[in-house]
N, C-alpha and C. Protein backbone atom coordinates (compact mmCIF):
# COMPACT_ATOMS: atom_id res chain seq x y z
N TYR A 1 113.50 101.07 93.55
CA TYR A 1 111.64 100.46 93.74
C TYR A 1 111.37 100.01 94.59
N LEU A 2 109.90 100.29 95.64
CA LEU A 2 109.74 100.30 96.77
C LEU A 2 108.14 99.00 96.81
N GLN A 3 108.23 97.93 97.26
CA GLN A 3 107.15 97.13 97.99
C GLN A 3 107.15 97.02 99.30
N THR A 4 106.02 97.04 99.53
CA THR A 4 105.58 96.73 101.31
C THR A 4 104.89 95.91 101.49
N ASN A 5 104.07 95.37 102.62
CA ASN A 5 103.52 94.73 102.90
C ASN A 5 102.79 95.47 104.35
N PHE A 6 103.18 96.04 104.85
CA PHE A 6 103.24 97.38 105.31
C PHE A 6 103.15 96.48 106.53
N GLY A 7 103.99 95.69 107.19
CA GLY A 7 104.29 95.07 108.46
C GLY A 7 105.46 96.02 109.02
N ASN A 8 105.25 97.48 108.92
CA ASN A 8 106.83 97.90 109.87
C ASN A 8 107.87 97.54 108.63
N GLY A 9 108.08 97.35 107.53
CA GLY A 9 108.77 96.97 106.89
C GLY A 9 108.28 97.43 105.73
N MET A 10 110.13 97.95 104.78
CA MET A 10 110.14 97.96 103.16
C MET A 10 111.08 97.51 102.47
N SER A 11 110.29 96.87 101.28
CA SER A 11 111.59 96.28 100.51
C SER A 11 111.83 97.18 99.23
N VAL A 12 113.40 97.34 99.43
CA VAL A 12 113.90 97.98 98.38
C VAL A 12 114.49 97.03 97.01
N LEU A 13 114.10 97.37 96.01
CA LEU A 13 114.71 96.31 94.56
C LEU A 13 115.24 97.34 93.80
N TRP A 14 116.33 96.54 93.34
CA TRP A 14 117.17 97.09 92.64
C TRP A 14 117.66 96.35 91.51
N ILE A 15 118.24 96.43 90.10
CA ILE A 15 117.89 95.70 89.03
C ILE A 15 120.12 96.14 88.69
N THR A 16 120.95 95.34 88.96
CA THR A 16 122.79 95.76 88.39
C THR A 16 122.64 95.37 87.16
N SER A 17 123.62 95.95 86.57
CA SER A 17 123.80 95.29 85.20
C SER A 17 125.42 94.52 85.26
N LYS A 18 125.63 94.36 86.30
CA LYS A 18 126.71 93.49 86.28
C LYS A 18 126.76 92.19 88.08
N ASN A 19 127.14 91.12 88.23
CA ASN A 19 126.96 90.78 89.28
C ASN A 19 127.71 91.30 90.37
N SER A 20 127.33 91.86 91.75
CA SER A 20 127.95 92.71 93.07
C SER A 20 127.21 91.99 94.16
N ALA A 21 127.84 92.84 95.18
CA ALA A 21 127.50 92.88 96.45
C ALA A 21 126.76 94.27 96.57
N SER A 22 125.89 94.15 97.08
CA SER A 22 124.74 95.17 97.47
C SER A 22 124.37 95.46 98.53
N TRP A 23 123.93 96.64 99.05
CA TRP A 23 123.19 97.15 100.12
C TRP A 23 122.60 98.01 100.28
N VAL A 24 121.45 98.16 101.29
CA VAL A 24 121.22 99.72 101.48
C VAL A 24 121.03 100.11 102.63
N GLU A 25 121.86 101.59 102.23
CA GLU A 25 122.07 102.16 103.72
C GLU A 25 121.12 103.61 104.13
N TYR A 26 120.57 103.10 105.39
CA TYR A 26 119.69 104.17 105.81
C TYR A 26 119.57 104.94 106.83
N GLY A 27 118.17 105.71 107.19
CA GLY A 27 118.58 106.30 108.49
C GLY A 27 117.14 107.48 108.43
N GLU A 28 116.96 108.29 109.75
CA GLU A 28 115.46 109.04 110.00
C GLU A 28 116.21 110.93 109.51
N ALA A 29 117.46 110.87 108.82
CA ALA A 29 117.71 112.22 108.55
C ALA A 29 118.40 111.85 106.85
N PRO A 30 118.59 113.24 106.52
CA PRO A 30 119.28 112.87 105.09
C PRO A 30 120.80 112.70 105.44
N ASP A 31 120.99 113.59 106.43
CA ASP A 31 122.62 113.55 106.79
C ASP A 31 123.05 112.75 107.96
N LYS A 32 122.17 111.44 108.26
CA LYS A 32 122.02 110.90 109.00
C LYS A 32 121.43 109.27 108.92
N ILE A 33 122.49 109.07 107.51
CA ILE A 33 122.08 107.63 107.03
C ILE A 33 122.81 106.33 107.92
N ASP A 34 122.99 106.48 109.10
CA ASP A 34 123.75 105.14 109.70
C ASP A 34 123.02 104.02 109.85
N MET A 35 122.50 103.60 108.96
CA MET A 35 122.46 101.77 109.18
C MET A 35 122.13 101.46 108.04
N LYS A 36 122.79 99.95 107.88
CA LYS A 36 122.50 99.16 106.59
C LYS A 36 121.88 98.18 106.75
N ALA A 37 121.71 97.48 105.75
CA ALA A 37 120.99 96.01 105.57
C ALA A 37 121.18 95.35 104.34
N TYR A 38 121.42 94.01 104.14
CA TYR A 38 121.45 93.27 103.18
C TYR A 38 120.27 92.26 103.14
N GLY A 39 120.49 91.86 101.76
CA GLY A 39 119.26 90.71 101.12
C GLY A 39 120.29 89.26 101.62
N THR A 40 119.03 88.32 101.70
CA THR A 40 119.40 87.14 102.35
C THR A 40 118.78 86.30 101.28
N SER A 41 119.25 84.78 101.20
CA SER A 41 119.52 83.91 100.82
C SER A 41 120.03 82.87 101.13
N ASN A 42 119.52 81.89 100.78
CA ASN A 42 119.84 79.87 101.43
C ASN A 42 120.82 80.33 101.94
N LEU A 43 121.22 79.28 103.08
CA LEU A 43 122.13 79.23 103.78
C LEU A 43 122.93 80.08 104.44
N GLY A 44 122.03 81.46 104.48
CA GLY A 44 122.91 82.74 105.07
C GLY A 44 123.44 83.37 104.69
N LEU A 45 124.27 82.43 103.38
CA LEU A 45 124.51 83.87 102.38
C LEU A 45 124.33 85.14 101.79
N LYS A 46 125.02 85.78 101.79
CA LYS A 46 124.30 87.58 101.31
C LYS A 46 124.36 87.33 99.53
N PRO A 47 123.51 87.71 99.10
CA PRO A 47 123.13 87.39 97.50
C PRO A 47 124.32 88.34 97.17
N ALA A 48 124.82 87.80 95.68
CA ALA A 48 126.20 88.35 95.39
C ALA A 48 125.45 87.87 93.46
N GLY A 49 124.39 88.62 93.06
CA GLY A 49 124.20 88.44 91.87
C GLY A 49 123.32 90.12 90.94
N ARG A 50 122.05 89.91 90.45
CA ARG A 50 121.83 91.11 89.60
C ARG A 50 120.56 91.33 90.01
N LEU A 51 120.07 90.75 90.50
CA LEU A 51 118.59 91.42 91.07
C LEU A 51 118.76 91.24 92.76
N ASN A 52 118.59 92.31 93.30
CA ASN A 52 118.96 92.95 94.44
C ASN A 52 117.05 93.05 95.52
N CYS A 53 116.76 92.39 96.36
CA CYS A 53 116.03 92.93 97.24
C CYS A 53 116.40 92.59 98.63
N VAL A 54 116.13 94.32 99.29
CA VAL A 54 116.89 94.44 100.48
C VAL A 54 115.24 94.87 101.02
N LYS A 55 115.33 94.00 102.52
CA LYS A 55 114.03 94.41 102.91
C LYS A 55 114.32 95.02 104.46
N LEU A 56 114.39 96.42 105.14
CA LEU A 56 114.55 97.16 105.68
C LEU A 56 113.48 96.80 106.84
N LYS A 57 113.80 96.13 108.15
CA LYS A 57 112.50 96.02 109.08
C LYS A 57 112.53 96.64 110.32
N ASN A 58 111.27 96.19 111.12
CA ASN A 58 111.63 96.70 112.45
C ASN A 58 111.53 98.35 112.05
N LEU A 59 110.93 99.42 111.51
CA LEU A 59 110.56 100.35 111.19
C LEU A 59 109.63 101.41 111.71
N LYS A 60 110.04 102.45 112.26
CA LYS A 60 109.04 102.99 112.98
C LYS A 60 107.98 103.57 112.46
N PRO A 61 105.86 103.47 112.79
CA PRO A 61 105.08 103.78 112.19
C PRO A 61 105.17 105.63 112.10
N GLY A 62 105.01 105.82 110.30
CA GLY A 62 104.55 107.02 110.37
C GLY A 62 106.22 107.88 109.71
N VAL A 63 107.17 107.59 110.20
CA VAL A 63 107.97 107.89 109.88
C VAL A 63 108.88 108.03 108.77
N THR A 64 109.39 109.26 108.37
CA THR A 64 110.25 109.14 106.99
C THR A 64 111.45 108.49 107.02
N TYR A 65 111.77 108.28 106.30
CA TYR A 65 113.24 107.45 105.94
C TYR A 65 113.66 107.87 104.87
N PHE A 66 115.37 107.92 104.98
CA PHE A 66 115.85 108.10 103.70
C PHE A 66 117.23 107.07 103.35
N TYR A 67 117.19 106.75 102.41
CA TYR A 67 117.89 105.83 102.13
C TYR A 67 118.92 105.80 100.57
N LYS A 68 119.56 105.09 100.46
CA LYS A 68 120.38 105.20 99.36
C LYS A 68 120.80 103.37 98.58
N VAL A 69 121.13 103.15 97.59
CA VAL A 69 121.12 101.64 97.37
C VAL A 69 122.84 101.53 96.69
N VAL A 70 123.46 100.43 97.49
CA VAL A 70 125.24 100.49 97.02
C VAL A 70 125.30 99.45 96.52
N SER A 71 126.04 99.44 95.53
CA SER A 71 126.49 97.75 94.57
C SER A 71 127.86 97.94 94.63
N ARG A 72 128.45 96.82 94.45
CA ARG A 72 130.23 96.88 94.68
C ARG A 72 130.32 95.97 93.47
N GLU A 73 130.37 96.12 92.55
CA GLU A 73 130.96 94.68 91.30
C GLU A 73 131.73 93.65 91.95
N ILE A 74 131.41 92.55 91.32
CA ILE A 74 132.30 91.57 91.82
C ILE A 74 132.65 91.01 90.86
N SER A 75 134.29 91.55 90.56
CA SER A 75 135.11 90.93 88.94
C SER A 75 135.58 89.81 88.53
N ASP A 76 135.37 88.99 89.70
CA ASP A 76 136.21 87.51 89.37
C ASP A 76 135.12 86.78 91.27
N PHE A 77 134.84 86.12 90.81
CA PHE A 77 134.21 85.08 91.74
C PHE A 77 135.29 83.56 91.86
N GLN A 78 135.83 83.57 92.84
CA GLN A 78 137.09 82.14 93.15
C GLN A 78 136.35 81.93 94.54
N PRO A 79 136.35 80.60 94.71
CA PRO A 79 136.18 79.97 96.31
C PRO A 79 136.63 80.10 97.31
N TYR A 80 137.85 80.65 97.14
CA TYR A 80 138.51 81.71 98.49
C TYR A 80 139.12 83.12 98.00
N LYS A 81 138.22 83.29 97.44
CA LYS A 81 138.48 85.09 97.07
C LYS A 81 137.83 85.60 96.00
N LEU A 82 137.52 86.58 96.36
CA LEU A 82 136.77 87.83 95.91
C LEU A 82 137.32 89.01 95.04
N THR A 83 137.48 89.09 94.24
CA THR A 83 138.17 90.45 93.42
C THR A 83 137.17 91.17 93.14
N TYR A 84 136.78 92.49 93.71
CA TYR A 84 135.69 93.47 93.75
C TYR A 84 136.25 94.49 92.55
N GLY A 85 135.19 95.22 91.89
CA GLY A 85 135.46 95.92 91.01
C GLY A 85 135.03 97.63 91.50
N GLU A 86 134.18 98.08 90.86
CA GLU A 86 133.91 99.17 90.99
C GLU A 86 132.53 99.43 92.38
N THR A 87 132.38 100.42 92.98
CA THR A 87 131.46 100.81 93.91
C THR A 87 130.26 101.50 93.60
N ILE A 88 129.36 101.69 92.80
CA ILE A 88 128.40 102.55 92.71
C ILE A 88 126.96 102.79 93.81
N SER A 89 126.45 104.02 94.01
CA SER A 89 125.08 104.07 94.46
C SER A 89 124.32 105.15 94.00
N SER A 90 123.74 105.02 94.28
CA SER A 90 122.00 105.63 93.97
C SER A 90 121.96 107.21 94.64
N ALA A 91 121.56 108.42 94.15
CA ALA A 91 120.84 109.58 95.11
C ALA A 91 120.13 108.88 96.36
N VAL A 92 119.91 109.72 97.20
CA VAL A 92 119.55 109.62 98.37
C VAL A 92 118.27 109.96 98.28
N GLU A 93 117.05 108.72 98.29
CA GLU A 93 115.71 109.06 98.58
C GLU A 93 115.44 108.96 99.65
N SER A 94 113.98 109.12 99.72
CA SER A 94 113.18 108.73 100.89
C SER A 94 111.70 108.29 101.08
N PHE A 95 110.92 107.84 101.78
CA PHE A 95 109.23 107.59 101.67
C PHE A 95 109.32 107.48 103.32
N VAL A 96 108.03 107.18 103.25
CA VAL A 96 107.29 107.62 104.40
C VAL A 96 106.57 105.81 105.06
N ASN A 97 107.06 105.19 106.18
CA ASN A 97 106.88 103.80 107.00
C ASN A 97 105.68 104.02 107.33
N THR A 98 104.22 103.59 106.51
CA THR A 98 102.94 103.71 106.77
C THR A 98 102.39 103.13 108.34
N ASN A 99 101.56 104.09 108.91
CA ASN A 99 100.91 103.85 110.29
C ASN A 99 100.12 103.00 109.53
N THR A 100 100.40 101.75 110.45
CA THR A 100 99.08 100.80 109.57
C THR A 100 97.33 100.88 110.77
N ALA A 101 98.09 101.71 111.80
CA ALA A 101 96.88 102.64 112.35
C ALA A 101 96.31 103.74 112.53
N LYS A 102 96.42 104.08 110.82
CA LYS A 102 96.13 105.61 110.57
C LYS A 102 94.32 105.20 110.34
N GLU A 103 93.80 106.25 110.56
CA GLU A 103 92.06 107.07 110.41
C GLU A 103 91.56 106.14 108.95
N GLU A 104 92.13 106.72 108.15
CA GLU A 104 92.19 106.44 106.41
C GLU A 104 93.24 106.19 105.78
N ILE A 105 93.09 105.96 104.67
CA ILE A 105 94.01 105.42 103.69
C ILE A 105 93.63 105.79 102.60
N SER A 106 94.75 105.96 101.49
CA SER A 106 94.55 106.66 100.08
C SER A 106 95.50 105.53 99.09
N PHE A 107 94.57 104.95 98.06
CA PHE A 107 95.69 104.48 96.99
C PHE A 107 94.59 104.39 96.02
N VAL A 108 95.98 104.20 94.72
CA VAL A 108 94.91 104.31 93.48
C VAL A 108 95.42 103.02 92.61
N MET A 109 94.40 102.13 91.97
CA MET A 109 94.41 100.75 91.40
C MET A 109 94.82 100.66 90.20
N MET A 110 95.13 100.38 89.73
CA MET A 110 95.61 100.07 87.73
C MET A 110 95.61 98.48 87.81
N ASN A 111 94.87 98.37 86.43
CA ASN A 111 94.93 96.77 85.87
C ASN A 111 94.79 96.99 84.64
N ASP A 112 95.37 95.73 84.01
CA ASP A 112 95.24 95.81 82.45
C ASP A 112 95.91 96.26 81.56
N ILE A 113 96.85 97.20 82.01
CA ILE A 113 97.56 97.75 80.97
C ILE A 113 98.64 97.51 80.08
N HIS A 114 98.61 96.29 79.85
CA HIS A 114 98.75 95.46 79.11
C HIS A 114 99.75 95.71 77.86
N ASP A 115 100.93 95.97 78.45
CA ASP A 115 101.97 96.21 77.76
C ASP A 115 102.13 97.74 76.95
N ARG A 116 101.54 98.44 77.53
CA ARG A 116 101.37 100.13 77.23
C ARG A 116 101.90 101.04 78.17
N PRO A 117 102.85 101.11 78.15
CA PRO A 117 104.18 101.58 79.75
C PRO A 117 103.24 103.06 80.11
N LYS A 118 103.74 103.71 78.69
CA LYS A 118 103.32 105.43 78.57
C LYS A 118 101.72 105.43 79.71
N SER A 119 100.54 104.09 79.84
CA SER A 119 99.82 104.73 80.72
C SER A 119 99.83 104.86 81.64
N ILE A 120 100.81 104.16 82.27
CA ILE A 120 101.22 104.35 83.92
C ILE A 120 101.26 105.85 84.18
N ALA A 121 102.15 106.60 83.81
CA ALA A 121 102.24 107.69 84.27
C ALA A 121 101.19 108.37 83.69
N GLN A 122 100.15 108.01 82.40
CA GLN A 122 99.06 109.37 82.10
C GLN A 122 97.53 108.72 83.13
N LEU A 123 97.80 107.48 83.67
CA LEU A 123 96.56 107.44 84.54
C LEU A 123 96.98 107.36 85.80
N LEU A 124 98.37 107.98 86.25
CA LEU A 124 98.08 108.21 87.46
C LEU A 124 98.00 109.82 87.45
N ASP A 125 98.45 110.30 86.31
CA ASP A 125 98.03 111.75 86.53
C ASP A 125 96.79 112.66 86.32
N LEU A 126 95.80 111.41 86.51
CA LEU A 126 94.31 111.96 86.19
C LEU A 126 94.20 111.95 87.98
N ASP A 127 95.26 111.03 89.00
CA ASP A 127 94.85 111.34 90.25
C ASP A 127 96.37 112.11 90.67
N LYS A 128 96.41 113.11 89.97
CA LYS A 128 97.89 113.72 90.50
C LYS A 128 97.25 114.56 91.54
N GLY A 129 98.03 114.57 92.45
CA GLY A 129 98.08 115.58 93.83
C GLY A 129 97.69 115.28 94.96
N ASN A 130 97.17 113.66 95.07
CA ASN A 130 96.56 112.84 95.81
C ASN A 130 97.78 112.49 96.37
N LYS A 131 97.44 112.54 98.04
CA LYS A 131 98.96 111.98 98.60
C LYS A 131 98.42 110.27 98.79
N ARG A 132 99.12 109.81 98.16
CA ARG A 132 98.33 108.04 98.24
C ARG A 132 99.79 107.11 99.15
N ASP A 133 99.43 106.32 99.86
CA ASP A 133 99.77 105.64 100.70
C ASP A 133 100.87 104.13 99.87
N PHE A 134 99.97 103.81 99.02
CA PHE A 134 100.73 102.82 97.88
C PHE A 134 99.88 102.72 96.54
N VAL A 135 100.53 102.75 95.78
CA VAL A 135 99.87 102.09 93.87
C VAL A 135 99.62 101.00 94.21
N PHE A 136 98.61 100.40 93.11
CA PHE A 136 98.16 99.10 93.52
C PHE A 136 97.64 98.47 92.22
N PHE A 137 99.09 97.47 91.36
CA PHE A 137 98.48 97.06 90.36
C PHE A 137 97.68 95.47 90.33
N ASN A 138 96.75 95.57 89.78
CA ASN A 138 95.61 94.46 89.74
C ASN A 138 95.69 93.34 88.86
N GLY A 139 97.05 93.23 88.34
CA GLY A 139 97.31 92.40 87.22
C GLY A 139 96.91 92.88 86.02
N ASP A 140 97.74 91.84 84.76
CA ASP A 140 97.98 92.02 83.69
C ASP A 140 98.42 93.23 83.20
N ILE A 141 99.65 93.46 83.82
CA ILE A 141 100.23 94.84 82.88
C ILE A 141 100.88 94.37 81.81
N PHE A 142 101.22 93.26 81.76
CA PHE A 142 102.10 93.05 80.35
C PHE A 142 100.46 91.83 79.80
N ASP A 143 101.04 91.70 78.24
CA ASP A 143 100.44 90.68 77.49
C ASP A 143 100.72 89.03 77.85
N TYR A 144 102.55 89.06 78.20
CA TYR A 144 103.08 87.89 78.64
C TYR A 144 104.29 88.41 78.35
N GLN A 145 105.45 87.61 79.32
CA GLN A 145 106.78 87.82 79.53
C GLN A 145 108.00 87.42 78.37
N THR A 146 108.38 88.10 78.18
CA THR A 146 109.24 87.98 76.97
C THR A 146 110.51 87.57 77.26
N ASP A 147 111.34 88.87 78.12
CA ASP A 147 112.43 89.05 78.92
C ASP A 147 112.42 89.95 79.43
N GLU A 148 113.40 89.86 80.50
CA GLU A 148 113.69 90.72 81.21
C GLU A 148 113.80 92.43 80.67
N GLN A 149 114.20 92.96 79.71
CA GLN A 149 113.84 93.98 79.28
C GLN A 149 112.75 94.70 78.74
N GLN A 150 111.83 93.68 78.62
CA GLN A 150 109.92 93.97 78.90
C GLN A 150 109.67 94.47 79.88
N ILE A 151 110.13 93.49 81.08
CA ILE A 151 110.02 93.74 82.67
C ILE A 151 110.16 95.00 83.14
N ILE A 152 111.60 95.38 82.42
CA ILE A 152 111.86 96.83 83.44
C ILE A 152 111.45 98.06 82.25
N ASP A 153 111.57 98.14 81.31
CA ASP A 153 111.04 99.10 80.01
C ASP A 153 109.20 98.98 80.12
N HIS A 154 108.38 98.03 80.22
CA HIS A 154 107.09 98.22 80.69
C HIS A 154 106.41 98.65 81.71
N MET A 155 107.01 98.32 82.73
CA MET A 155 106.76 98.23 84.22
C MET A 155 107.39 98.92 84.98
N ILE A 156 108.58 98.69 85.28
CA ILE A 156 109.68 99.16 86.44
C ILE A 156 110.09 100.34 86.23
N GLN A 157 110.67 100.66 84.77
CA GLN A 157 110.91 101.93 85.12
C GLN A 157 110.24 103.10 84.94
N PRO A 158 108.98 102.73 84.22
CA PRO A 158 108.04 103.76 84.50
C PRO A 158 107.80 104.32 86.05
N CYS A 159 107.48 102.92 86.38
CA CYS A 159 107.22 103.27 88.25
C CYS A 159 108.28 104.13 88.72
N VAL A 160 109.34 104.29 88.92
CA VAL A 160 110.58 104.47 89.22
C VAL A 160 110.48 106.16 88.53
N ASP A 161 110.38 106.01 87.37
CA ASP A 161 110.42 107.89 87.22
C ASP A 161 109.36 108.37 87.43
N TYR A 162 108.05 107.81 87.98
CA TYR A 162 106.79 108.40 88.40
C TYR A 162 106.45 108.34 90.07
N PHE A 163 107.14 107.47 90.60
CA PHE A 163 106.65 107.47 92.04
C PHE A 163 107.70 106.54 92.88
N ALA A 164 108.47 105.20 92.30
CA ALA A 164 108.36 104.40 92.92
C ALA A 164 109.26 104.27 93.76
N LYS A 165 110.17 105.42 93.96
CA LYS A 165 111.44 105.49 95.18
C LYS A 165 111.06 105.67 96.10
N THR A 166 109.73 106.76 95.92
CA THR A 166 108.91 107.47 97.20
C THR A 166 108.24 106.68 97.71
N THR A 167 107.32 105.95 96.57
CA THR A 167 106.02 105.38 97.33
C THR A 167 105.76 103.79 96.83
N PRO A 168 105.72 102.75 97.48
CA PRO A 168 105.64 101.50 97.29
C PRO A 168 104.20 101.36 96.73
N PHE A 169 104.55 100.09 95.95
CA PHE A 169 103.65 99.39 94.88
C PHE A 169 103.34 98.33 95.78
N VAL A 170 102.00 97.38 95.40
CA VAL A 170 101.80 96.37 95.74
C VAL A 170 101.36 95.80 94.10
N TYR A 171 101.77 94.38 94.20
CA TYR A 171 101.56 93.69 92.11
C TYR A 171 100.91 92.75 93.00
N VAL A 172 99.75 92.34 92.59
CA VAL A 172 98.94 91.05 92.47
C VAL A 172 99.08 90.49 90.99
N ARG A 173 99.36 89.75 90.66
CA ARG A 173 99.64 89.02 89.18
C ARG A 173 98.07 88.59 88.81
N GLY A 174 98.05 88.64 87.40
CA GLY A 174 97.31 88.65 86.48
C GLY A 174 96.82 87.08 85.73
N ASN A 175 96.42 86.91 85.17
CA ASN A 175 96.64 85.53 84.49
C ASN A 175 97.63 85.57 83.07
N HIS A 176 97.67 87.17 82.67
CA HIS A 176 98.82 87.42 81.68
C HIS A 176 99.80 87.54 82.42
N GLU A 177 100.33 87.62 83.61
CA GLU A 177 101.74 87.39 84.03
C GLU A 177 102.68 85.99 84.24
N THR A 178 101.27 84.56 83.67
CA THR A 178 101.73 83.64 83.78
C THR A 178 101.82 83.17 82.52
N ARG A 179 102.04 84.03 80.98
CA ARG A 179 102.15 83.38 80.04
C ARG A 179 103.66 83.95 79.77
N GLY A 180 104.12 83.36 78.44
CA GLY A 180 105.10 83.92 77.81
C GLY A 180 106.53 82.98 78.04
N LYS A 181 107.83 83.03 77.31
CA LYS A 181 108.99 82.21 77.95
C LYS A 181 109.42 82.54 79.17
N PHE A 182 109.03 83.72 79.75
CA PHE A 182 110.19 84.38 80.67
C PHE A 182 109.12 84.40 81.89
N ALA A 183 107.98 84.11 82.11
CA ALA A 183 107.02 84.10 82.88
C ALA A 183 107.77 83.13 84.05
N ARG A 184 108.12 82.12 84.17
CA ARG A 184 108.68 81.16 85.03
C ARG A 184 110.07 82.80 86.05
N ASP A 185 110.06 82.92 85.21
CA ASP A 185 111.65 84.17 86.02
C ASP A 185 110.79 85.39 86.33
N PHE A 186 109.48 85.44 85.91
CA PHE A 186 109.10 87.16 86.55
C PHE A 186 109.16 87.37 87.75
N ALA A 187 108.78 86.97 88.86
CA ALA A 187 108.27 86.97 89.73
C ALA A 187 109.87 87.20 91.00
N ALA A 188 111.16 87.08 90.03
CA ALA A 188 112.12 87.18 91.08
C ALA A 188 112.43 88.40 90.76
N TYR A 189 111.58 89.24 90.16
CA TYR A 189 111.80 91.09 89.71
C TYR A 189 111.19 91.76 90.86
N PHE A 190 110.47 91.15 91.88
CA PHE A 190 109.74 91.40 92.52
C PHE A 190 109.57 91.09 94.00
N ASP A 191 109.50 91.50 94.82
CA ASP A 191 109.32 90.75 96.33
C ASP A 191 108.20 89.77 96.54
N HIS A 192 107.03 90.27 96.10
CA HIS A 192 105.54 89.78 96.35
C HIS A 192 104.99 89.49 94.45
N VAL A 193 104.13 88.65 94.31
CA VAL A 193 103.07 89.17 92.88
C VAL A 193 102.56 87.97 93.26
N GLY A 194 102.24 87.45 94.20
CA GLY A 194 100.97 86.67 94.55
C GLY A 194 99.53 87.31 95.26
N TYR A 195 98.95 86.41 95.65
CA TYR A 195 97.30 86.60 95.98
C TYR A 195 97.41 86.93 97.58
N THR A 196 97.31 88.14 98.24
CA THR A 196 97.91 87.67 99.59
C THR A 196 96.73 89.19 100.14
N ALA A 197 96.64 89.00 101.97
CA ALA A 197 95.45 89.98 102.24
C ALA A 197 96.55 90.86 103.26
N PHE A 198 96.01 92.09 103.66
CA PHE A 198 96.58 92.92 104.51
C PHE A 198 95.52 94.04 104.95
N THR A 199 95.86 94.26 106.36
CA THR A 199 94.89 95.29 107.06
C THR A 199 95.30 96.66 107.27
N LEU A 200 95.11 97.69 106.68
CA LEU A 200 95.55 99.13 106.61
C LEU A 200 94.72 100.01 106.93
N GLY A 201 94.96 100.51 108.31
CA GLY A 201 93.96 101.42 108.93
C GLY A 201 92.46 100.80 109.02
N PRO A 202 91.83 101.30 108.38
CA PRO A 202 90.29 101.01 108.51
C PRO A 202 89.78 100.01 107.50
N VAL A 203 90.70 99.59 106.34
CA VAL A 203 90.59 98.89 105.36
C VAL A 203 91.52 97.73 105.81
N ARG A 204 90.45 96.46 105.08
CA ARG A 204 91.04 95.12 104.85
C ARG A 204 90.78 94.73 102.82
């Protein structure tokens, strides 16, 4: 699933079932995926976990990029030796890196879903056919956070199924995103969920 702050970059996020070494392969044509990007962590080490966020940087405005995610299982993690298992990759997807100088923009905003995941597709269907630069989640998508599966089932999976492999979303937390025993882990599943500001075309 995609997130962005419209700084000529795109964050690609995914979750694996096992600890893995992961990366994104991307390029400007489906038959020319010739670039590779990794996530980052403290001390400059490449991440080796389940929650992946890889930021593609210095993208060209208005250009369509094609990408796939790749994860290689780490079956044994010793201090001086890593043993790898199976490598899996996704299908090739694409997105348009938004031109921040464009003359007009289009987005749809949703909030107060409150753990009704079917509402995401139903509400987006009301806006079907419009070409959006992004989808804006304006808080209270959940009542409270209980565990990882709730975050996947009630938001991430519906978004991936409907739009989030090709269109990024912006997510600003509401007060309900700070409730529940899993609220302290919640932010790790997104590139950003805090309050921020950005300028896109003629709109701030």
